[in-house]
Amino acid sequence: MKSGVILAFALVTKKQELFDTMAKKYNILYNGDKIYTNLTEEEYFNAMEDLASQFYETGSPKAEQLNTEIIGD
């Protein structure tokens, strides 16, 4: 039974390594200018949350002024 647990752990670890090497990165553009570059998925979501909060406080940036570039790793 022990060898089965070790094998399962090894397979999960290999899948995670493969996923990490294929992870995408993100750029956020405001009116065509890059304001955030080479973000991980978590960093991207945090930046978008910050931009949304900024919009509700100041009225800018508007959604139509923002674009996302998805880049490979």
PDB file of N, CA and C in Angstrom:
ATOM      1  N   MET A   1       0.820  -1.204   0.000  1.00  0.00           N
ATOM      2  CA  MET A   1       0.000   0.000   0.000  1.00  0.00           C
ATOM      3  C   MET A   1       0.855   1.256   0.000  1.00  0.00           C
ATOM      4  N   LYS A   2       1.983   1.204   0.716  1.00  0.00           N
ATOM      5  CA  LYS A   2       2.850   2.365   0.789  1.00  0.00           C
ATOM      6  C   LYS A   2       3.362   2.786  -0.582  1.00  0.00           C
ATOM      7  N   SER A   3       3.747   1.821  -1.407  1.00  0.00           N
ATOM      8  CA  SER A   3       4.280   2.144  -2.727  1.00  0.00           C
ATOM      9  C   SER A   3       3.219   2.805  -3.603  1.00  0.00           C
ATOM     10  N   GLY A   4       1.961   2.444  -3.428  1.00  0.00           N
ATOM     11  CA  GLY A   4       0.879   3.071  -4.182  1.00  0.00           C
ATOM     12  C   GLY A   4       0.715   4.531  -3.818  1.00  0.00           C
ATOM     13  N   VAL A   5       0.858   4.859  -2.543  1.00  0.00           N
ATOM     14  CA  VAL A   5       0.752   6.250  -2.089  1.00  0.00           C
ATOM     15  C   VAL A   5       1.917   7.061  -2.641  1.00  0.00           C
ATOM     16  N   ILE A   6       3.104   6.480  -2.607  1.00  0.00           N
ATOM     17  CA  ILE A   6       4.282   7.178  -3.129  1.00  0.00           C
ATOM     18  C   ILE A   6       4.137   7.407  -4.629  1.00  0.00           C
ATOM     19  N   LEU A   7       3.663   6.411  -5.356  1.00  0.00           N
ATOM     20  CA  LEU A   7       3.460   6.546  -6.791  1.00  0.00           C
ATOM     21  C   LEU A   7       2.434   7.633  -7.094  1.00  0.00           C
ATOM     22  N   ALA A   8       1.341   7.655  -6.367  1.00  0.00           N
ATOM     23  CA  ALA A   8       0.308   8.672  -6.570  1.00  0.00           C
ATOM     24  C   ALA A   8       0.869  10.062  -6.297  1.00  0.00           C
ATOM     25  N   PHE A   9       1.650  10.202  -5.244  1.00  0.00           N
ATOM     26  CA  PHE A   9       2.262  11.490  -4.917  1.00  0.00           C
ATOM     27  C   PHE A   9       3.198  11.932  -6.041  1.00  0.00           C
ATOM     28  N   ALA A  10       3.982  10.988  -6.570  1.00  0.00           N
ATOM     29  CA  ALA A  10       4.918  11.301  -7.655  1.00  0.00           C
ATOM     30  C   ALA A  10       4.164  11.754  -8.900  1.00  0.00           C
ATOM     31  N   LEU A  11       3.050  11.106  -9.219  1.00  0.00           N
ATOM     32  CA  LEU A  11       2.259  11.491 -10.383  1.00  0.00           C
ATOM     33  C   LEU A  11       1.661  12.885 -10.214  1.00  0.00           C
ATOM     34  N   VAL A  12       1.144  13.183  -9.040  1.00  0.00           N
ATOM     35  CA  VAL A  12       0.581  14.511  -8.766  1.00  0.00           C
ATOM     36  C   VAL A  12       1.667  15.569  -8.878  1.00  0.00           C
ATOM     37  N   THR A  13       2.838  15.276  -8.345  1.00  0.00           N
ATOM     38  CA  THR A  13       3.947  16.222  -8.408  1.00  0.00           C
ATOM     39  C   THR A  13       4.350  16.479  -9.860  1.00  0.00           C
ATOM     40  N   LYS A  14       4.430  15.450 -10.674  1.00  0.00           N
ATOM     41  CA  LYS A  14       4.784  15.609 -12.088  1.00  0.00           C
ATOM     42  C   LYS A  14       3.730  16.432 -12.827  1.00  0.00           C
ATOM     43  N   LYS A  15       2.448  16.183 -12.543  1.00  0.00           N
ATOM     44  CA  LYS A  15       1.392  16.954 -13.189  1.00  0.00           C
ATOM     45  C   LYS A  15       1.488  18.427 -12.801  1.00  0.00           C
ATOM     46  N   GLN A  16       1.782  18.706 -11.533  1.00  0.00           N
ATOM     47  CA  GLN A  16       1.921  20.084 -11.074  1.00  0.00           C
ATOM     48  C   GLN A  16       3.103  20.760 -11.768  1.00  0.00           C
ATOM     49  N   GLU A  17       4.219  20.045 -11.913  1.00  0.00           N
ATOM     50  CA  GLU A  17       5.383  20.600 -12.604  1.00  0.00           C
ATOM     51  C   GLU A  17       5.046  20.922 -14.051  1.00  0.00           C
ATOM     52  N   LEU A  18       4.319  20.043 -14.717  1.00  0.00           N
ATOM     53  CA  LEU A  18       3.911  20.268 -16.099  1.00  0.00           C
ATOM     54  C   LEU A  18       3.000  21.482 -16.190  1.00  0.00           C
ATOM     55  N   PHE A  19       2.054  21.600 -15.277  1.00  0.00           N
ATOM     56  CA  PHE A  19       1.143  22.742 -15.270  1.00  0.00           C
ATOM     57  C   PHE A  19       1.914  24.034 -15.070  1.00  0.00           C
ATOM     58  N   ASP A  20       2.866  24.033 -14.141  1.00  0.00           N
ATOM     59  CA  ASP A  20       3.644  25.233 -13.857  1.00  0.00           C
ATOM     60  C   ASP A  20       4.451  25.678 -15.062  1.00  0.00           C
ATOM     61  N   THR A  21       4.985  24.745 -15.827  1.00  0.00           N
ATOM     62  CA  THR A  21       5.776  25.123 -16.994  1.00  0.00           C
ATOM     63  C   THR A  21       4.892  25.639 -18.125  1.00  0.00           C
ATOM     64  N   MET A  22       3.615  25.295 -18.118  1.00  0.00           N
ATOM     65  CA  MET A  22       2.709  25.742 -19.159  1.00  0.00           C
ATOM     66  C   MET A  22       1.885  26.954 -18.720  1.00  0.00           C
ATOM     67  N   ALA A  23       2.139  27.473 -17.545  1.00  0.00           N
ATOM     68  CA  ALA A  23       1.350  28.577 -17.006  1.00  0.00           C
ATOM     69  C   ALA A  23       1.453  29.799 -17.909  1.00  0.00           C
ATOM     70  N   LYS A  24       0.363  30.492 -18.063  1.00  0.00           N
ATOM     71  CA  LYS A  24       0.326  31.694 -18.879  1.00  0.00           C
ATOM     72  C   LYS A  24       0.674  32.897 -18.022  1.00  0.00           C
ATOM     73  N   LYS A  25       1.104  33.926 -18.675  1.00  0.00           N
ATOM     74  CA  LYS A  25       1.364  35.212 -18.038  1.00  0.00           C
ATOM     75  C   LYS A  25       0.443  36.241 -18.679  1.00  0.00           C
ATOM     76  N   TYR A  26       0.256  37.351 -18.017  1.00  0.00           N
ATOM     77  CA  TYR A  26      -0.706  38.349 -18.465  1.00  0.00           C
ATOM     78  C   TYR A  26      -0.102  39.748 -18.435  1.00  0.00           C
ATOM     79  N   ASN A  27      -0.501  40.567 -19.411  1.00  0.00           N
ATOM     80  CA  ASN A  27      -0.219  41.995 -19.420  1.00  0.00           C
ATOM     81  C   ASN A  27      -1.558  42.703 -19.369  1.00  0.00           C
ATOM     82  N   ILE A  28      -1.612  43.817 -18.661  1.00  0.00           N
ATOM     83  CA  ILE A  28      -2.816  44.640 -18.637  1.00  0.00           C
ATOM     84  C   ILE A  28      -2.473  45.962 -19.302  1.00  0.00           C
ATOM     85  N   LEU A  29      -3.306  46.341 -20.284  1.00  0.00           N
ATOM     86  CA  LEU A  29      -3.090  47.584 -21.018  1.00  0.00           C
ATOM     87  C   LEU A  29      -4.211  48.573 -20.704  1.00  0.00           C
ATOM     88  N   TYR A  30      -3.823  49.837 -20.563  1.00  0.00           N
ATOM     89  CA  TYR A  30      -4.774  50.926 -20.348  1.00  0.00           C
ATOM     90  C   TYR A  30      -4.613  51.884 -21.518  1.00  0.00           C
ATOM     91  N   ASN A  31      -5.654  52.010 -22.338  1.00  0.00           N
ATOM     92  CA  ASN A  31      -5.596  52.823 -23.560  1.00  0.00           C
ATOM     93  C   ASN A  31      -4.391  52.447 -24.421  1.00  0.00           C
ATOM     94  N   GLY A  32      -4.087  51.163 -24.505  1.00  0.00           N
ATOM     95  CA  GLY A  32      -3.007  50.680 -25.352  1.00  0.00           C
ATOM     96  C   GLY A  32      -1.627  50.667 -24.712  1.00  0.00           C
ATOM     97  N   ASP A  33      -1.482  51.268 -23.530  1.00  0.00           N
ATOM     98  CA  ASP A  33      -0.194  51.290 -22.838  1.00  0.00           C
ATOM     99  C   ASP A  33      -0.167  50.213 -21.760  1.00  0.00           C
ATOM    100  N   LYS A  34       0.930  49.470 -21.697  1.00  0.00           N
ATOM    101  CA  LYS A  34       1.050  48.432 -20.680  1.00  0.00           C
ATOM    102  C   LYS A  34       1.235  49.072 -19.307  1.00  0.00           C
ATOM    103  N   ILE A  35       0.325  48.718 -18.395  1.00  0.00           N
ATOM    104  CA  ILE A  35       0.443  49.232 -17.031  1.00  0.00           C
ATOM    105  C   ILE A  35       0.852  48.141 -16.054  1.00  0.00           C
ATOM    106  N   TYR A  36       0.647  46.885 -16.430  1.00  0.00           N
ATOM    107  CA  TYR A  36       1.113  45.721 -15.677  1.00  0.00           C
ATOM    108  C   TYR A  36       1.659  44.730 -16.688  1.00  0.00           C
ATOM    109  N   THR A  37       2.817  44.140 -16.389  1.00  0.00           N
ATOM    110  CA  THR A  37       3.407  43.194 -17.335  1.00  0.00           C
ATOM    111  C   THR A  37       3.839  41.912 -16.644  1.00  0.00           C
ATOM    112  N   ASN A  38       3.767  40.833 -17.410  1.00  0.00           N
ATOM    113  CA  ASN A  38       4.272  39.528 -16.996  1.00  0.00           C
ATOM    114  C   ASN A  38       3.699  39.046 -15.658  1.00  0.00           C
ATOM    115  N   LEU A  39       2.397  39.198 -15.496  1.00  0.00           N
ATOM    116  CA  LEU A  39       1.729  38.816 -14.252  1.00  0.00           C
ATOM    117  C   LEU A  39       1.360  37.334 -14.256  1.00  0.00           C
ATOM    118  N   THR A  40       1.448  36.717 -13.090  1.00  0.00           N
ATOM    119  CA  THR A  40       0.895  35.377 -12.934  1.00  0.00           C
ATOM    120  C   THR A  40      -0.619  35.516 -12.878  1.00  0.00           C
ATOM    121  N   GLU A  41      -1.321  34.396 -12.895  1.00  0.00           N
ATOM    122  CA  GLU A  41      -2.787  34.450 -12.826  1.00  0.00           C
ATOM    123  C   GLU A  41      -3.245  35.137 -11.536  1.00  0.00           C
ATOM    124  N   GLU A  42      -2.633  34.788 -10.425  1.00  0.00           N
ATOM    125  CA  GLU A  42      -3.015  35.390  -9.144  1.00  0.00           C
ATOM    126  C   GLU A  42      -2.730  36.890  -9.134  1.00  0.00           C
ATOM    127  N   GLU A  43      -1.572  37.292  -9.644  1.00  0.00           N
ATOM    128  CA  GLU A  43      -1.231  38.710  -9.709  1.00  0.00           C
ATOM    129  C   GLU A  43      -2.197  39.451 -10.633  1.00  0.00           C
ATOM    130  N   TYR A  44      -2.570  38.796 -11.737  1.00  0.00           N
ATOM    131  CA  TYR A  44      -3.520  39.393 -12.678  1.00  0.00           C
ATOM    132  C   TYR A  44      -4.860  39.675 -12.000  1.00  0.00           C
ATOM    133  N   PHE A  45      -5.388  38.675 -11.295  1.00  0.00           N
ATOM    134  CA  PHE A  45      -6.673  38.870 -10.622  1.00  0.00           C
ATOM    135  C   PHE A  45      -6.580  39.944  -9.543  1.00  0.00           C
ATOM    136  N   ASN A  46      -5.474  40.000  -8.828  1.00  0.00           N
ATOM    137  CA  ASN A  46      -5.295  41.048  -7.813  1.00  0.00           C
ATOM    138  C   ASN A  46      -5.253  42.425  -8.454  1.00  0.00           C
ATOM    139  N   ALA A  47      -4.536  42.554  -9.578  1.00  0.00           N
ATOM    140  CA  ALA A  47      -4.450  43.838 -10.272  1.00  0.00           C
ATOM    141  C   ALA A  47      -5.819  44.261 -10.791  1.00  0.00           C
ATOM    142  N   MET A  48      -6.574  43.318 -11.350  1.00  0.00           N
ATOM    143  CA  MET A  48      -7.910  43.644 -11.851  1.00  0.00           C
ATOM    144  C   MET A  48      -8.842  44.071 -10.714  1.00  0.00           C
ATOM    145  N   GLU A  49      -8.697  43.418  -9.575  1.00  0.00           N
ATOM    146  CA  GLU A  49      -9.489  43.810  -8.409  1.00  0.00           C
ATOM    147  C   GLU A  49      -9.130  45.233  -7.974  1.00  0.00           C
ATOM    148  N   ASP A  50      -7.838  45.556  -7.984  1.00  0.00           N
ATOM    149  CA  ASP A  50      -7.401  46.911  -7.635  1.00  0.00           C
ATOM    150  C   ASP A  50      -7.956  47.936  -8.620  1.00  0.00           C
ATOM    151  N   LEU A  51      -7.927  47.602  -9.904  1.00  0.00           N
ATOM    152  CA  LEU A  51      -8.458  48.514 -10.923  1.00  0.00           C
ATOM    153  C   LEU A  51      -9.965  48.706 -10.779  1.00  0.00           C
ATOM    154  N   ALA A  52     -10.673  47.641 -10.418  1.00  0.00           N
ATOM    155  CA  ALA A  52     -12.121  47.749 -10.201  1.00  0.00           C
ATOM    156  C   ALA A  52     -12.417  48.654  -9.006  1.00  0.00           C
ATOM    157  N   SER A  53     -11.666  48.500  -7.947  1.00  0.00           N
ATOM    158  CA  SER A  53     -11.842  49.357  -6.763  1.00  0.00           C
ATOM    159  C   SER A  53     -11.553  50.812  -7.112  1.00  0.00           C
ATOM    160  N   GLN A  54     -10.501  51.015  -7.885  1.00  0.00           N
ATOM    161  CA  GLN A  54     -10.139  52.369  -8.313  1.00  0.00           C
ATOM    162  C   GLN A  54     -11.265  52.982  -9.138  1.00  0.00           C
ATOM    163  N   PHE A  55     -11.885  52.171 -10.010  1.00  0.00           N
ATOM    164  CA  PHE A  55     -12.993  52.667 -10.823  1.00  0.00           C
ATOM    165  C   PHE A  55     -14.157  53.121  -9.947  1.00  0.00           C
ATOM    166  N   TYR A  56     -14.502  52.330  -8.937  1.00  0.00           N
ATOM    167  CA  TYR A  56     -15.630  52.689  -8.089  1.00  0.00           C
ATOM    168  C   TYR A  56     -15.330  53.891  -7.206  1.00  0.00           C
ATOM    169  N   GLU A  57     -14.064  54.151  -6.953  1.00  0.00           N
ATOM    170  CA  GLU A  57     -13.691  55.328  -6.155  1.00  0.00           C
ATOM    171  C   GLU A  57     -13.567  56.588  -7.001  1.00  0.00           C
ATOM    172  N   THR A  58     -13.038  56.450  -8.229  1.00  0.00           N
ATOM    173  CA  THR A  58     -12.713  57.639  -9.021  1.00  0.00           C
ATOM    174  C   THR A  58     -13.437  57.715 -10.359  1.00  0.00           C
ATOM    175  N   GLY A  59     -14.032  56.618 -10.816  1.00  0.00           N
ATOM    176  CA  GLY A  59     -14.682  56.600 -12.121  1.00  0.00           C
ATOM    177  C   GLY A  59     -13.732  56.243 -13.261  1.00  0.00           C
ATOM    178  N   SER A  60     -12.496  55.947 -12.934  1.00  0.00           N
ATOM    179  CA  SER A  60     -11.507  55.581 -13.943  1.00  0.00           C
ATOM    180  C   SER A  60     -10.575  54.521 -13.363  1.00  0.00           C
ATOM    181  N   PRO A  61     -10.143  53.587 -14.133  1.00  0.00           N
ATOM    182  CA  PRO A  61     -10.316  53.391 -15.572  1.00  0.00           C
ATOM    183  C   PRO A  61     -11.613  52.664 -15.877  1.00  0.00           C
ATOM    184  N   LYS A  62     -12.193  53.001 -16.996  1.00  0.00           N
ATOM    185  CA  LYS A  62     -13.408  52.333 -17.455  1.00  0.00           C
ATOM    186  C   LYS A  62     -13.032  51.024 -18.131  1.00  0.00           C
ATOM    187  N   ALA A  63     -13.928  50.070 -18.095  1.00  0.00           N
ATOM    188  CA  ALA A  63     -13.674  48.738 -18.640  1.00  0.00           C
ATOM    189  C   ALA A  63     -13.258  48.782 -20.104  1.00  0.00           C
ATOM    190  N   GLU A  64     -13.873  49.665 -20.873  1.00  0.00           N
ATOM    191  CA  GLU A  64     -13.545  49.732 -22.302  1.00  0.00           C
ATOM    192  C   GLU A  64     -12.144  50.304 -22.558  1.00  0.00           C
ATOM    193  N   GLN A  65     -11.511  50.863 -21.538  1.00  0.00           N
ATOM    194  CA  GLN A  65     -10.155  51.383 -21.683  1.00  0.00           C
ATOM    195  C   GLN A  65      -9.084  50.324 -21.349  1.00  0.00           C
ATOM    196  N   LEU A  66      -9.525  49.181 -20.831  1.00  0.00           N
ATOM    197  CA  LEU A  66      -8.595  48.140 -20.410  1.00  0.00           C
ATOM    198  C   LEU A  66      -8.619  46.955 -21.369  1.00  0.00           C
ATOM    199  N   ASN A  67      -7.465  46.390 -21.602  1.00  0.00           N
ATOM    200  CA  ASN A  67      -7.324  45.168 -22.399  1.00  0.00           C
ATOM    201  C   ASN A  67      -6.335  44.251 -21.699  1.00  0.00           C
ATOM    202  N   THR A  68      -6.482  42.971 -21.973  1.00  0.00           N
ATOM    203  CA  THR A  68      -5.576  41.964 -21.405  1.00  0.00           C
ATOM    204  C   THR A  68      -4.880  41.242 -22.539  1.00  0.00           C
ATOM    205  N   GLU A  69      -3.565  41.110 -22.420  1.00  0.00           N
ATOM    206  CA  GLU A  69      -2.784  40.266 -23.320  1.00  0.00           C
ATOM    207  C   GLU A  69      -2.414  39.009 -22.569  1.00  0.00           C
ATOM    208  N   ILE A  70      -2.661  37.861 -23.166  1.00  0.00           N
ATOM    209  CA  ILE A  70      -2.262  36.592 -22.575  1.00  0.00           C
ATOM    210  C   ILE A  70      -1.014  36.137 -23.314  1.00  0.00           C
ATOM    211  N   ILE A  71       0.055  35.917 -22.571  1.00  0.00           N
ATOM    212  CA  ILE A  71       1.315  35.528 -23.185  1.00  0.00           C
ATOM    213  C   ILE A  71       1.739  34.171 -22.641  1.00  0.00           C
ATOM    214  N   GLY A  72       2.399  33.392 -23.461  1.00  0.00           N
ATOM    215  CA  GLY A  72       2.899  32.095 -23.023  1.00  0.00           C
ATOM    216  C   GLY A  72       4.087  32.259 -22.105  1.00  0.00           C
ATOM    217  N   ASP A  73       4.408  31.196 -21.382  1.00  0.00           N
ATOM    218  CA  ASP A  73       5.519  31.245 -20.454  1.00  0.00           C
ATOM    219  C   ASP A  73       6.813  30.989 -21.174  1.00  0.00           C
TER     220      ASP A  73
END
